[in-house]
């Protein structure tokens, strides 16, 4: 049975009720769906955000909720492509000499689902590291990528953490301490075969690397 995605966990019960209405409003207005500021002007989007917002409020977390809703809509509107990345392919993606070329017509949006508990990050400074479940990826009108990493997905937890990064691909990315990109920072992590994401630039780079496999047979539509 396929592993549930964050889209399944949050939107499965409401997607067919609200997302077609949002699409119709975006089309009537003539907006680019990747233009987040424009999409936030759609009344149905505002209503959905209010529906998903906890009664006690989320304070600064509102930006993260907005990002999640926007990525989820783009994923749905583009066909709901899930990109499950197997263990061996993950090692290739996170290696020191990844492929830089991107297919001529990669999927516009997808959710790249990583092997569980293999990639970790300190989402909040000073807090425990959380495992990366995967990331929503979509291309903007200007050719940049938006990548929304989803961390800490587990059955007993209500919700999860998200971090967004956006931009063109960097061609000289490196860590200040000289360690390899995506190498483990958790004590004992390297021996356990783990990887780490150290900052938003590495999250964005991960998104770009998944583009090289976004048209391969491992992709699936759900």
N, C-alpha and C. Protein backbone atom coordinates (compact mmCIF):
# COMPACT_ATOMS: atom_id res chain seq x y z
N UNK A 1 0.85 -1.20 0.00
CA UNK A 1 0.00 0.00 0.00
C UNK A 1 0.88 1.24 0.00
N UNK A 2 0.62 2.22 -0.90
CA UNK A 2 1.46 3.42 -0.96
C UNK A 2 1.48 4.17 0.36
N UNK A 3 2.65 4.72 0.68
CA UNK A 3 2.78 5.53 1.89
C UNK A 3 1.99 6.83 1.70
N UNK A 4 1.29 7.24 2.75
CA UNK A 4 0.52 8.47 2.67
C UNK A 4 1.46 9.67 2.55
N UNK A 5 1.03 10.64 1.77
CA UNK A 5 1.78 11.88 1.63
C UNK A 5 1.14 12.96 2.51
N UNK A 6 1.83 14.07 2.73
CA UNK A 6 1.20 15.19 3.45
C UNK A 6 -0.09 15.66 2.76
N UNK A 7 -0.14 15.58 1.44
CA UNK A 7 -1.37 15.95 0.74
C UNK A 7 -2.51 15.02 1.18
N UNK A 8 -2.23 13.72 1.24
CA UNK A 8 -3.25 12.77 1.69
C UNK A 8 -3.71 13.10 3.11
N UNK A 9 -2.76 13.39 3.98
CA UNK A 9 -3.08 13.59 5.39
C UNK A 9 -3.92 14.84 5.64
N UNK A 10 -3.69 15.88 4.86
CA UNK A 10 -4.36 17.16 5.11
C UNK A 10 -5.54 17.41 4.18
N UNK A 11 -5.40 17.01 2.92
CA UNK A 11 -6.36 17.46 1.91
C UNK A 11 -7.24 16.37 1.32
N UNK A 12 -7.02 15.11 1.66
CA UNK A 12 -7.76 14.04 0.98
C UNK A 12 -9.26 14.15 1.14
N UNK A 13 -9.73 14.64 2.29
CA UNK A 13 -11.16 14.72 2.56
C UNK A 13 -11.82 15.97 1.97
N UNK A 14 -11.01 16.93 1.56
CA UNK A 14 -11.60 18.20 1.10
C UNK A 14 -11.18 18.58 -0.31
N UNK A 15 -10.21 17.87 -0.89
CA UNK A 15 -9.64 18.28 -2.18
C UNK A 15 -10.69 18.42 -3.26
N UNK A 16 -11.51 17.41 -3.44
CA UNK A 16 -12.47 17.44 -4.55
C UNK A 16 -13.62 18.40 -4.28
N UNK A 17 -13.74 18.85 -3.06
CA UNK A 17 -14.79 19.83 -2.74
C UNK A 17 -14.33 21.25 -3.00
N UNK A 18 -13.08 21.55 -2.68
CA UNK A 18 -12.65 22.96 -2.73
C UNK A 18 -11.67 23.28 -3.85
N UNK A 19 -10.81 22.34 -4.22
CA UNK A 19 -9.77 22.68 -5.19
C UNK A 19 -10.32 22.96 -6.60
N UNK A 20 -11.34 22.24 -7.08
CA UNK A 20 -11.90 22.64 -8.39
C UNK A 20 -12.48 24.05 -8.38
N UNK A 21 -13.06 24.46 -7.26
CA UNK A 21 -13.59 25.82 -7.16
C UNK A 21 -12.46 26.85 -7.22
N UNK A 22 -11.36 26.53 -6.56
CA UNK A 22 -10.21 27.44 -6.60
C UNK A 22 -9.67 27.53 -8.02
N UNK A 23 -9.57 26.39 -8.70
CA UNK A 23 -9.08 26.42 -10.08
C UNK A 23 -9.98 27.25 -10.97
N UNK A 24 -11.28 27.09 -10.83
CA UNK A 24 -12.22 27.87 -11.66
C UNK A 24 -12.05 29.36 -11.42
N UNK A 25 -11.87 29.76 -10.16
CA UNK A 25 -11.70 31.18 -9.85
C UNK A 25 -10.38 31.71 -10.40
N UNK A 26 -9.32 30.92 -10.31
CA UNK A 26 -8.03 31.34 -10.86
C UNK A 26 -8.12 31.52 -12.37
N UNK A 27 -8.81 30.59 -13.03
CA UNK A 27 -8.95 30.69 -14.49
C UNK A 27 -9.79 31.89 -14.88
N UNK A 28 -10.88 32.14 -14.14
CA UNK A 28 -11.72 33.31 -14.45
C UNK A 28 -10.93 34.61 -14.30
N UNK A 29 -10.07 34.66 -13.28
CA UNK A 29 -9.29 35.87 -13.03
C UNK A 29 -8.09 36.00 -13.96
N UNK A 30 -7.73 34.90 -14.63
CA UNK A 30 -6.59 34.94 -15.53
C UNK A 30 -5.25 34.95 -14.81
N UNK A 31 -5.21 34.42 -13.59
CA UNK A 31 -3.98 34.43 -12.81
C UNK A 31 -3.08 33.26 -13.19
N UNK A 32 -1.78 33.45 -13.03
CA UNK A 32 -0.82 32.35 -13.09
C UNK A 32 -0.92 31.60 -11.76
N UNK A 33 -1.21 30.30 -11.77
CA UNK A 33 -1.37 29.57 -10.51
C UNK A 33 -0.13 29.60 -9.62
N UNK A 34 1.05 29.81 -10.20
CA UNK A 34 2.26 29.84 -9.38
C UNK A 34 2.49 31.21 -8.74
N UNK A 35 1.68 32.20 -9.10
CA UNK A 35 1.78 33.54 -8.51
C UNK A 35 1.04 33.52 -7.17
N UNK A 36 1.77 33.31 -6.10
CA UNK A 36 1.14 33.12 -4.79
C UNK A 36 0.36 34.35 -4.33
N UNK A 37 0.90 35.51 -4.55
CA UNK A 37 0.19 36.72 -4.13
C UNK A 37 -1.16 36.83 -4.82
N UNK A 38 -1.20 36.48 -6.10
CA UNK A 38 -2.47 36.53 -6.83
C UNK A 38 -3.43 35.47 -6.32
N UNK A 39 -2.92 34.27 -6.11
CA UNK A 39 -3.77 33.17 -5.64
C UNK A 39 -4.38 33.49 -4.28
N UNK A 40 -3.65 34.21 -3.44
CA UNK A 40 -4.16 34.57 -2.12
C UNK A 40 -5.31 35.58 -2.19
N UNK A 41 -5.55 36.15 -3.36
CA UNK A 41 -6.67 37.06 -3.52
C UNK A 41 -7.97 36.32 -3.85
N UNK A 42 -7.87 35.01 -4.10
CA UNK A 42 -9.05 34.22 -4.43
C UNK A 42 -9.85 33.95 -3.15
N UNK A 43 -11.13 34.31 -3.11
CA UNK A 43 -11.91 34.13 -1.87
C UNK A 43 -11.93 32.68 -1.38
N UNK A 44 -11.98 31.72 -2.31
CA UNK A 44 -12.01 30.32 -1.89
C UNK A 44 -10.72 29.90 -1.20
N UNK A 45 -9.61 30.52 -1.58
CA UNK A 45 -8.34 30.22 -0.91
C UNK A 45 -8.36 30.76 0.51
N UNK A 46 -8.86 31.97 0.67
CA UNK A 46 -8.97 32.57 2.01
C UNK A 46 -9.85 31.70 2.90
N UNK A 47 -10.96 31.22 2.35
CA UNK A 47 -11.87 30.36 3.12
C UNK A 47 -11.18 29.06 3.52
N UNK A 48 -10.42 28.48 2.60
CA UNK A 48 -9.71 27.23 2.91
C UNK A 48 -8.68 27.44 4.00
N UNK A 49 -7.96 28.55 3.96
CA UNK A 49 -6.97 28.84 5.00
C UNK A 49 -7.64 28.97 6.36
N UNK A 50 -8.80 29.61 6.39
CA UNK A 50 -9.53 29.74 7.65
C UNK A 50 -10.00 28.38 8.15
N UNK A 51 -10.39 27.52 7.22
CA UNK A 51 -10.86 26.19 7.59
C UNK A 51 -9.74 25.34 8.18
N UNK A 52 -8.54 25.49 7.65
CA UNK A 52 -7.41 24.68 8.10
C UNK A 52 -6.70 25.25 9.32
N UNK A 53 -6.89 26.53 9.57
CA UNK A 53 -6.21 27.18 10.70
C UNK A 53 -6.80 26.68 12.01
N UNK A 54 -5.95 26.25 12.95
CA UNK A 54 -6.47 25.82 14.26
C UNK A 54 -7.22 26.94 14.96
N UNK A 55 -8.18 26.58 15.80
CA UNK A 55 -8.97 27.58 16.51
C UNK A 55 -8.12 28.49 17.38
N UNK A 56 -7.05 27.93 17.92
CA UNK A 56 -6.20 28.74 18.79
C UNK A 56 -5.23 29.61 18.00
N UNK A 57 -5.26 29.50 16.66
CA UNK A 57 -4.38 30.31 15.83
C UNK A 57 -3.00 29.69 15.72
N UNK A 58 -2.21 30.20 14.78
CA UNK A 58 -0.86 29.64 14.59
C UNK A 58 0.21 30.72 14.52
N UNK A 59 -0.17 31.97 14.75
CA UNK A 59 0.83 33.03 14.82
C UNK A 59 1.71 33.10 13.59
N UNK A 60 3.03 33.04 13.81
CA UNK A 60 3.98 33.14 12.71
C UNK A 60 3.89 31.95 11.77
N UNK A 61 3.22 30.89 12.20
CA UNK A 61 3.09 29.72 11.35
C UNK A 61 2.13 29.92 10.18
N UNK A 62 1.48 31.07 10.10
CA UNK A 62 0.54 31.31 9.00
C UNK A 62 1.25 31.26 7.66
N UNK A 63 2.46 31.76 7.58
CA UNK A 63 3.20 31.72 6.32
C UNK A 63 3.43 30.28 5.87
N UNK A 64 3.70 29.40 6.84
CA UNK A 64 3.91 28.00 6.49
C UNK A 64 2.62 27.35 6.01
N UNK A 65 1.49 27.70 6.63
CA UNK A 65 0.21 27.17 6.18
C UNK A 65 -0.11 27.64 4.77
N UNK A 66 0.13 28.92 4.50
CA UNK A 66 -0.09 29.46 3.16
C UNK A 66 0.75 28.71 2.14
N UNK A 67 2.03 28.48 2.47
CA UNK A 67 2.91 27.76 1.55
C UNK A 67 2.41 26.35 1.30
N UNK A 68 1.97 25.67 2.36
CA UNK A 68 1.47 24.30 2.21
C UNK A 68 0.24 24.26 1.31
N UNK A 69 -0.71 25.15 1.54
CA UNK A 69 -1.93 25.17 0.73
C UNK A 69 -1.59 25.46 -0.73
N UNK A 70 -0.68 26.40 -0.97
CA UNK A 70 -0.33 26.74 -2.35
C UNK A 70 0.35 25.57 -3.05
N UNK A 71 1.32 24.95 -2.37
CA UNK A 71 2.00 23.80 -2.96
C UNK A 71 1.02 22.66 -3.22
N UNK A 72 0.12 22.42 -2.27
CA UNK A 72 -0.85 21.35 -2.43
C UNK A 72 -1.75 21.61 -3.63
N UNK A 73 -2.16 22.86 -3.81
CA UNK A 73 -3.01 23.19 -4.96
C UNK A 73 -2.24 22.97 -6.26
N UNK A 74 -1.01 23.45 -6.34
CA UNK A 74 -0.22 23.29 -7.56
C UNK A 74 -0.02 21.81 -7.87
N UNK A 75 0.25 21.01 -6.84
CA UNK A 75 0.40 19.56 -7.05
C UNK A 75 -0.87 18.97 -7.63
N UNK A 76 -2.00 19.29 -7.03
CA UNK A 76 -3.29 18.77 -7.50
C UNK A 76 -3.59 19.24 -8.92
N UNK A 77 -3.39 20.53 -9.17
CA UNK A 77 -3.70 21.12 -10.47
C UNK A 77 -2.83 20.53 -11.58
N UNK A 78 -1.61 20.11 -11.22
CA UNK A 78 -0.68 19.54 -12.21
C UNK A 78 -0.84 18.04 -12.38
N UNK A 79 -1.77 17.43 -11.65
CA UNK A 79 -2.03 16.01 -11.85
C UNK A 79 -1.69 15.10 -10.69
N UNK A 80 -1.17 15.65 -9.61
CA UNK A 80 -0.93 14.83 -8.41
C UNK A 80 0.21 13.84 -8.55
N UNK A 81 1.30 14.24 -9.17
CA UNK A 81 2.43 13.33 -9.39
C UNK A 81 3.22 13.10 -8.10
N UNK A 82 3.38 11.83 -7.74
CA UNK A 82 4.20 11.45 -6.58
C UNK A 82 5.48 10.81 -7.10
N UNK A 83 6.61 11.25 -6.57
CA UNK A 83 7.91 10.75 -7.00
C UNK A 83 8.56 10.00 -5.84
N UNK A 84 8.28 8.70 -5.69
CA UNK A 84 8.91 7.95 -4.60
C UNK A 84 10.36 7.62 -4.97
N UNK A 85 11.29 8.09 -4.17
CA UNK A 85 12.71 7.92 -4.47
C UNK A 85 13.26 6.74 -3.65
N UNK A 86 13.69 5.66 -4.31
CA UNK A 86 14.19 4.50 -3.58
C UNK A 86 15.56 4.76 -2.95
N UNK A 87 15.96 3.86 -2.08
CA UNK A 87 17.21 4.03 -1.32
C UNK A 87 18.41 4.25 -2.23
N UNK A 88 18.58 3.42 -3.25
CA UNK A 88 19.77 3.54 -4.08
C UNK A 88 19.78 4.85 -4.87
N UNK A 89 18.59 5.29 -5.29
CA UNK A 89 18.52 6.55 -6.04
C UNK A 89 18.79 7.73 -5.13
N UNK A 90 18.40 7.63 -3.86
CA UNK A 90 18.68 8.70 -2.90
C UNK A 90 20.17 8.91 -2.77
N UNK A 91 20.93 7.82 -2.68
CA UNK A 91 22.38 7.94 -2.53
C UNK A 91 22.99 8.62 -3.75
N UNK A 92 22.46 8.34 -4.94
CA UNK A 92 22.95 9.02 -6.14
C UNK A 92 22.64 10.51 -6.09
N UNK A 93 21.42 10.84 -5.67
CA UNK A 93 21.01 12.24 -5.64
C UNK A 93 21.83 13.06 -4.66
N UNK A 94 22.18 12.45 -3.53
CA UNK A 94 22.88 13.19 -2.49
C UNK A 94 24.39 13.04 -2.56
N UNK A 95 24.89 12.37 -3.60
CA UNK A 95 26.32 12.17 -3.76
C UNK A 95 27.05 13.46 -4.06
N UNK A 96 28.37 13.37 -4.06
CA UNK A 96 29.19 14.58 -4.24
C UNK A 96 29.25 15.03 -5.68
N UNK A 97 28.88 14.18 -6.64
CA UNK A 97 28.93 14.57 -8.06
C UNK A 97 27.60 14.26 -8.73
N UNK A 98 26.54 14.99 -8.35
CA UNK A 98 25.22 14.72 -8.92
C UNK A 98 25.12 15.21 -10.36
N UNK A 99 24.17 14.63 -11.10
CA UNK A 99 23.92 15.12 -12.46
C UNK A 99 23.36 16.54 -12.38
N UNK A 100 23.89 17.42 -13.21
CA UNK A 100 23.40 18.80 -13.22
C UNK A 100 22.35 19.04 -14.29
N UNK A 101 22.30 18.14 -15.29
CA UNK A 101 21.34 18.35 -16.37
C UNK A 101 19.94 17.99 -15.91
N UNK A 102 18.97 18.72 -16.46
CA UNK A 102 17.56 18.51 -16.14
C UNK A 102 16.85 18.13 -17.42
N UNK A 103 15.93 17.16 -17.38
CA UNK A 103 15.20 16.80 -18.60
C UNK A 103 14.59 18.02 -19.27
N UNK A 104 14.46 17.95 -20.59
CA UNK A 104 13.94 19.09 -21.33
C UNK A 104 12.56 19.51 -20.85
N UNK A 105 11.73 18.54 -20.50
CA UNK A 105 10.39 18.86 -20.04
C UNK A 105 10.06 18.07 -18.78
N UNK A 106 10.71 18.41 -17.66
CA UNK A 106 10.39 17.70 -16.41
C UNK A 106 8.99 18.07 -15.95
N UNK A 107 8.44 17.23 -15.09
CA UNK A 107 7.11 17.52 -14.54
C UNK A 107 7.10 18.89 -13.88
N UNK A 108 6.02 19.64 -14.08
CA UNK A 108 5.96 21.01 -13.54
C UNK A 108 5.85 21.01 -12.03
N UNK A 109 5.19 20.00 -11.47
CA UNK A 109 5.01 19.93 -10.02
C UNK A 109 4.87 18.48 -9.60
N UNK A 110 5.39 18.17 -8.41
CA UNK A 110 5.31 16.80 -7.88
C UNK A 110 5.66 16.83 -6.40
N UNK A 111 5.42 15.69 -5.75
CA UNK A 111 5.89 15.51 -4.38
C UNK A 111 6.94 14.41 -4.40
N UNK A 112 8.17 14.77 -4.07
CA UNK A 112 9.27 13.82 -4.01
C UNK A 112 9.28 13.18 -2.62
N UNK A 113 8.98 11.89 -2.55
CA UNK A 113 8.85 11.19 -1.28
C UNK A 113 10.13 10.39 -1.02
N UNK A 114 10.85 10.76 0.02
CA UNK A 114 12.14 10.15 0.32
C UNK A 114 11.99 8.91 1.20
N UNK A 115 12.99 8.03 1.19
CA UNK A 115 12.97 6.92 2.15
C UNK A 115 12.87 7.47 3.57
N UNK A 116 12.13 6.78 4.41
CA UNK A 116 11.88 7.29 5.75
C UNK A 116 13.13 7.31 6.61
N UNK A 117 13.28 8.39 7.38
CA UNK A 117 14.31 8.53 8.40
C UNK A 117 15.73 8.42 7.85
N UNK A 118 15.92 8.90 6.63
CA UNK A 118 17.27 8.88 6.05
C UNK A 118 17.87 10.28 5.96
N UNK A 119 17.04 11.31 5.88
CA UNK A 119 17.53 12.68 5.76
C UNK A 119 16.92 13.50 6.90
N UNK A 120 17.77 14.23 7.62
CA UNK A 120 17.33 14.94 8.82
C UNK A 120 17.74 16.41 8.74
N UNK A 121 17.06 17.24 9.54
CA UNK A 121 17.41 18.66 9.61
C UNK A 121 16.94 19.24 10.93
N UNK A 122 17.63 20.29 11.37
CA UNK A 122 17.22 21.06 12.53
C UNK A 122 16.24 22.14 12.03
N UNK A 123 14.96 21.84 12.10
CA UNK A 123 13.95 22.75 11.55
C UNK A 123 13.88 24.03 12.35
N UNK A 124 13.88 23.91 13.66
CA UNK A 124 13.87 25.07 14.55
C UNK A 124 15.19 25.08 15.32
N UNK A 125 15.84 26.23 15.34
CA UNK A 125 17.15 26.33 15.99
C UNK A 125 17.06 25.91 17.45
N UNK A 126 17.95 25.02 17.83
CA UNK A 126 18.00 24.55 19.20
C UNK A 126 17.07 23.40 19.51
N UNK A 127 16.20 23.03 18.56
CA UNK A 127 15.27 21.92 18.77
C UNK A 127 15.84 20.65 18.17
N UNK A 128 15.22 19.52 18.50
CA UNK A 128 15.67 18.23 17.99
C UNK A 128 15.54 18.18 16.47
N UNK A 129 16.45 17.46 15.83
CA UNK A 129 16.38 17.28 14.39
C UNK A 129 15.16 16.43 14.04
N UNK A 130 14.59 16.69 12.86
CA UNK A 130 13.42 15.96 12.41
C UNK A 130 13.70 15.30 11.07
N UNK A 131 13.10 14.15 10.80
CA UNK A 131 13.33 13.48 9.51
C UNK A 131 12.51 14.12 8.40
N UNK A 132 13.11 14.17 7.22
CA UNK A 132 12.44 14.72 6.04
C UNK A 132 11.61 13.63 5.38
N UNK A 133 10.29 13.82 5.35
CA UNK A 133 9.42 12.87 4.65
C UNK A 133 9.57 13.03 3.15
N UNK A 134 9.64 14.27 2.69
CA UNK A 134 9.75 14.54 1.27
C UNK A 134 9.59 16.02 1.02
N UNK A 135 9.42 16.40 -0.23
CA UNK A 135 9.26 17.82 -0.53
C UNK A 135 8.36 18.03 -1.75
N UNK A 136 7.50 19.04 -1.62
CA UNK A 136 6.73 19.53 -2.76
C UNK A 136 7.69 20.36 -3.61
N UNK A 137 7.61 20.18 -4.92
CA UNK A 137 8.48 20.92 -5.83
C UNK A 137 7.64 21.45 -6.98
N UNK A 138 7.75 22.75 -7.28
CA UNK A 138 7.15 23.25 -8.51
C UNK A 138 7.96 24.42 -9.06
N UNK A 139 7.85 24.58 -10.36
CA UNK A 139 8.58 25.62 -11.06
C UNK A 139 7.73 26.88 -11.16
N UNK A 140 8.35 28.03 -10.95
CA UNK A 140 7.64 29.30 -11.06
C UNK A 140 7.73 29.82 -12.50
N UNK A 141 6.96 30.86 -12.78
CA UNK A 141 6.95 31.41 -14.13
C UNK A 141 8.32 31.92 -14.54
N UNK A 142 9.13 32.34 -13.59
CA UNK A 142 10.45 32.86 -13.90
C UNK A 142 11.54 31.82 -14.02
N UNK A 143 11.18 30.54 -13.88
CA UNK A 143 12.16 29.48 -14.03
C UNK A 143 12.86 29.08 -12.75
N UNK A 144 12.50 29.69 -11.62
CA UNK A 144 13.03 29.26 -10.33
C UNK A 144 12.23 28.08 -9.82
N UNK A 145 12.72 27.47 -8.75
CA UNK A 145 11.98 26.40 -8.10
C UNK A 145 11.50 26.87 -6.74
N UNK A 146 10.32 26.39 -6.36
CA UNK A 146 9.88 26.47 -4.98
C UNK A 146 9.90 25.05 -4.42
N UNK A 147 10.51 24.90 -3.28
CA UNK A 147 10.63 23.59 -2.63
C UNK A 147 10.12 23.72 -1.21
N UNK A 148 9.15 22.89 -0.85
CA UNK A 148 8.60 22.89 0.50
C UNK A 148 8.93 21.55 1.15
N UNK A 149 9.91 21.57 2.05
CA UNK A 149 10.28 20.36 2.76
C UNK A 149 9.29 20.07 3.89
N UNK A 150 8.91 18.80 4.02
CA UNK A 150 7.95 18.38 5.04
C UNK A 150 8.67 17.44 6.01
N UNK A 151 8.72 17.85 7.27
CA UNK A 151 9.51 17.14 8.28
C UNK A 151 8.63 16.62 9.40
N UNK A 152 9.07 15.52 10.00
CA UNK A 152 8.44 15.04 11.22
C UNK A 152 7.08 14.41 11.04
N UNK A 153 6.82 13.78 9.89
CA UNK A 153 5.55 13.09 9.68
C UNK A 153 5.59 11.75 10.41
N UNK A 154 4.66 11.55 11.33
CA UNK A 154 4.55 10.27 12.03
C UNK A 154 3.12 10.10 12.53
N UNK A 155 2.67 8.84 12.65
CA UNK A 155 1.25 8.57 12.95
C UNK A 155 0.75 9.22 14.23
N UNK A 156 1.59 9.26 15.25
CA UNK A 156 1.11 9.76 16.55
C UNK A 156 1.14 11.28 16.66
N UNK A 157 1.65 11.96 15.66
CA UNK A 157 1.77 13.42 15.71
C UNK A 157 0.67 14.08 14.90
N UNK A 158 0.04 15.08 15.47
CA UNK A 158 -0.94 15.87 14.74
C UNK A 158 -0.20 16.99 14.01
N UNK A 159 -0.08 16.85 12.72
CA UNK A 159 0.62 17.85 11.94
C UNK A 159 2.05 17.48 11.64
N UNK A 160 2.79 18.42 11.10
CA UNK A 160 4.19 18.22 10.74
C UNK A 160 4.82 19.59 10.55
N UNK A 161 6.12 19.62 10.35
CA UNK A 161 6.84 20.88 10.15
C UNK A 161 7.13 21.08 8.67
N UNK A 162 7.09 22.33 8.21
CA UNK A 162 7.43 22.62 6.83
C UNK A 162 8.42 23.77 6.76
N UNK A 163 9.30 23.70 5.76
CA UNK A 163 10.28 24.75 5.49
C UNK A 163 10.31 24.96 3.99
N UNK A 164 10.29 26.23 3.55
CA UNK A 164 10.27 26.52 2.12
C UNK A 164 11.56 27.21 1.69
N UNK A 165 12.01 26.86 0.50
CA UNK A 165 13.14 27.52 -0.13
C UNK A 165 12.77 27.79 -1.59
N UNK A 166 13.29 28.87 -2.14
CA UNK A 166 12.94 29.24 -3.52
C UNK A 166 14.13 29.90 -4.19
N UNK A 167 14.31 29.61 -5.47
CA UNK A 167 15.35 30.31 -6.22
C UNK A 167 15.88 29.51 -7.39
N UNK A 168 16.80 30.11 -8.15
CA UNK A 168 17.49 29.38 -9.22
C UNK A 168 18.50 28.42 -8.61
N UNK A 169 19.05 27.56 -9.46
CA UNK A 169 20.01 26.59 -8.94
C UNK A 169 21.38 27.23 -8.76
N UNK A 170 21.97 27.03 -7.60
CA UNK A 170 23.33 27.52 -7.33
C UNK A 170 24.33 26.55 -7.93
N UNK A 171 25.39 27.07 -8.50
CA UNK A 171 26.37 26.21 -9.15
C UNK A 171 27.69 26.12 -8.37
N UNK A 172 27.78 26.79 -7.26
CA UNK A 172 29.01 26.69 -6.45
C UNK A 172 28.62 26.60 -4.97
N UNK A 173 27.68 25.73 -4.68
CA UNK A 173 27.18 25.61 -3.32
C UNK A 173 28.12 24.77 -2.48
N UNK A 174 28.43 25.25 -1.30
CA UNK A 174 29.30 24.50 -0.39
C UNK A 174 29.00 24.92 1.04
N UNK A 175 29.37 24.06 1.97
CA UNK A 175 29.21 24.38 3.38
C UNK A 175 30.41 25.16 3.89
N UNK A 176 30.19 26.13 4.78
CA UNK A 176 31.31 26.92 5.30
C UNK A 176 32.36 26.09 6.00
N UNK A 177 31.95 24.96 6.63
CA UNK A 177 32.93 24.16 7.36
C UNK A 177 33.67 23.16 6.47
N UNK A 178 33.36 23.15 5.18
CA UNK A 178 34.07 22.27 4.25
C UNK A 178 33.52 20.87 4.14
N UNK A 179 32.56 20.51 4.95
CA UNK A 179 31.97 19.17 4.83
C UNK A 179 31.11 19.10 3.58
N UNK A 180 30.88 17.88 3.12
CA UNK A 180 30.11 17.68 1.90
C UNK A 180 28.65 18.06 2.10
N UNK A 181 28.04 18.57 1.04
CA UNK A 181 26.61 18.83 1.08
C UNK A 181 25.87 17.54 1.44
N UNK A 182 24.86 17.66 2.26
CA UNK A 182 23.99 16.56 2.67
C UNK A 182 24.67 15.52 3.56
N UNK A 183 25.92 15.78 3.95
CA UNK A 183 26.56 14.85 4.89
C UNK A 183 25.94 15.02 6.27
N UNK A 184 25.95 13.95 7.06
CA UNK A 184 25.27 13.93 8.35
C UNK A 184 25.93 14.89 9.34
N UNK A 185 25.10 15.60 10.11
CA UNK A 185 25.59 16.44 11.19
C UNK A 185 25.18 15.87 12.54
N UNK A 186 24.27 14.92 12.55
CA UNK A 186 23.89 14.26 13.80
C UNK A 186 25.03 13.37 14.28
N UNK A 187 25.30 13.34 15.59
CA UNK A 187 26.33 12.44 16.10
C UNK A 187 26.02 11.00 15.71
N UNK A 188 27.00 10.33 15.11
CA UNK A 188 26.82 8.95 14.68
C UNK A 188 26.01 8.80 13.41
N UNK A 189 25.61 9.93 12.82
CA UNK A 189 24.76 9.88 11.64
C UNK A 189 25.44 9.25 10.43
N UNK A 190 26.70 9.58 10.21
CA UNK A 190 27.41 9.03 9.06
C UNK A 190 27.50 7.51 9.16
N UNK A 191 27.83 7.01 10.34
CA UNK A 191 27.94 5.57 10.53
C UNK A 191 26.61 4.86 10.32
N UNK A 192 25.52 5.57 10.60
CA UNK A 192 24.19 4.99 10.44
C UNK A 192 23.64 5.18 9.02
N UNK A 193 24.43 5.79 8.14
CA UNK A 193 24.00 6.00 6.77
C UNK A 193 22.99 7.11 6.60
N UNK A 194 23.02 8.08 7.51
CA UNK A 194 22.06 9.18 7.44
C UNK A 194 22.65 10.37 6.68
N UNK A 195 21.76 11.27 6.28
CA UNK A 195 22.15 12.52 5.65
C UNK A 195 21.48 13.68 6.39
N UNK A 196 22.01 14.88 6.18
CA UNK A 196 21.43 16.07 6.81
C UNK A 196 21.27 17.18 5.78
N UNK A 197 20.28 18.01 6.02
CA UNK A 197 20.11 19.24 5.25
C UNK A 197 20.50 20.38 6.17
N UNK A 198 21.50 21.13 5.78
CA UNK A 198 22.00 22.23 6.60
C UNK A 198 21.61 23.56 5.95
N UNK A 199 20.38 23.99 6.18
CA UNK A 199 19.95 25.29 5.69
C UNK A 199 19.09 25.22 4.43
N UNK A 200 18.47 26.35 4.14
CA UNK A 200 17.55 26.45 3.02
C UNK A 200 18.20 26.23 1.67
N UNK A 201 19.47 26.61 1.52
CA UNK A 201 20.14 26.42 0.23
C UNK A 201 20.27 24.94 -0.11
N UNK A 202 20.54 24.12 0.90
CA UNK A 202 20.64 22.68 0.63
C UNK A 202 19.26 22.09 0.33
N UNK A 203 18.21 22.58 0.98
CA UNK A 203 16.86 22.11 0.67
C UNK A 203 16.53 22.45 -0.79
N UNK A 204 16.85 23.67 -1.22
CA UNK A 204 16.60 24.06 -2.60
C UNK A 204 17.41 23.20 -3.56
N UNK A 205 18.65 22.92 -3.23
CA UNK A 205 19.48 22.06 -4.08
C UNK A 205 18.90 20.66 -4.18
N UNK A 206 18.37 20.15 -3.08
CA UNK A 206 17.72 18.84 -3.13
C UNK A 206 16.56 18.87 -4.12
N UNK A 207 15.77 19.95 -4.08
CA UNK A 207 14.68 20.07 -5.03
C UNK A 207 15.17 20.04 -6.47
N UNK A 208 16.23 20.78 -6.74
CA UNK A 208 16.78 20.77 -8.10
C UNK A 208 17.28 19.38 -8.49
N UNK A 209 17.88 18.67 -7.57
CA UNK A 209 18.38 17.34 -7.90
C UNK A 209 17.24 16.37 -8.20
N UNK A 210 16.11 16.53 -7.53
CA UNK A 210 15.00 15.64 -7.83
C UNK A 210 14.47 15.87 -9.23
N UNK A 211 14.73 17.04 -9.82
CA UNK A 211 14.27 17.32 -11.19
C UNK A 211 14.89 16.36 -12.19
N UNK A 212 16.07 15.86 -11.88
CA UNK A 212 16.73 14.96 -12.82
C UNK A 212 16.05 13.60 -12.91
N UNK A 213 15.18 13.29 -11.96
CA UNK A 213 14.50 12.00 -12.00
C UNK A 213 12.98 12.15 -12.11
N UNK A 214 12.52 13.38 -12.32
CA UNK A 214 11.08 13.65 -12.29
C UNK A 214 10.32 13.09 -13.49
N UNK A 215 11.01 12.61 -14.49
CA UNK A 215 10.33 12.01 -15.64
C UNK A 215 10.65 10.51 -15.76
N UNK A 216 11.32 9.95 -14.77
CA UNK A 216 11.68 8.53 -14.83
C UNK A 216 10.48 7.65 -14.44
N UNK A 217 10.54 6.35 -14.75
CA UNK A 217 9.40 5.46 -14.49
C UNK A 217 9.00 5.32 -13.03
N UNK A 218 9.88 5.73 -12.08
CA UNK A 218 9.49 5.59 -10.68
C UNK A 218 8.39 6.57 -10.29
N UNK A 219 8.17 7.61 -11.12
CA UNK A 219 7.10 8.56 -10.81
C UNK A 219 5.74 7.89 -10.98
N UNK A 220 4.77 8.30 -10.17
CA UNK A 220 3.45 7.72 -10.25
C UNK A 220 2.41 8.80 -9.94
N UNK A 221 1.25 8.64 -10.54
CA UNK A 221 0.15 9.56 -10.29
C UNK A 221 -0.83 8.88 -9.35
N UNK A 222 -1.23 9.60 -8.30
CA UNK A 222 -2.21 9.05 -7.37
C UNK A 222 -3.46 9.91 -7.40
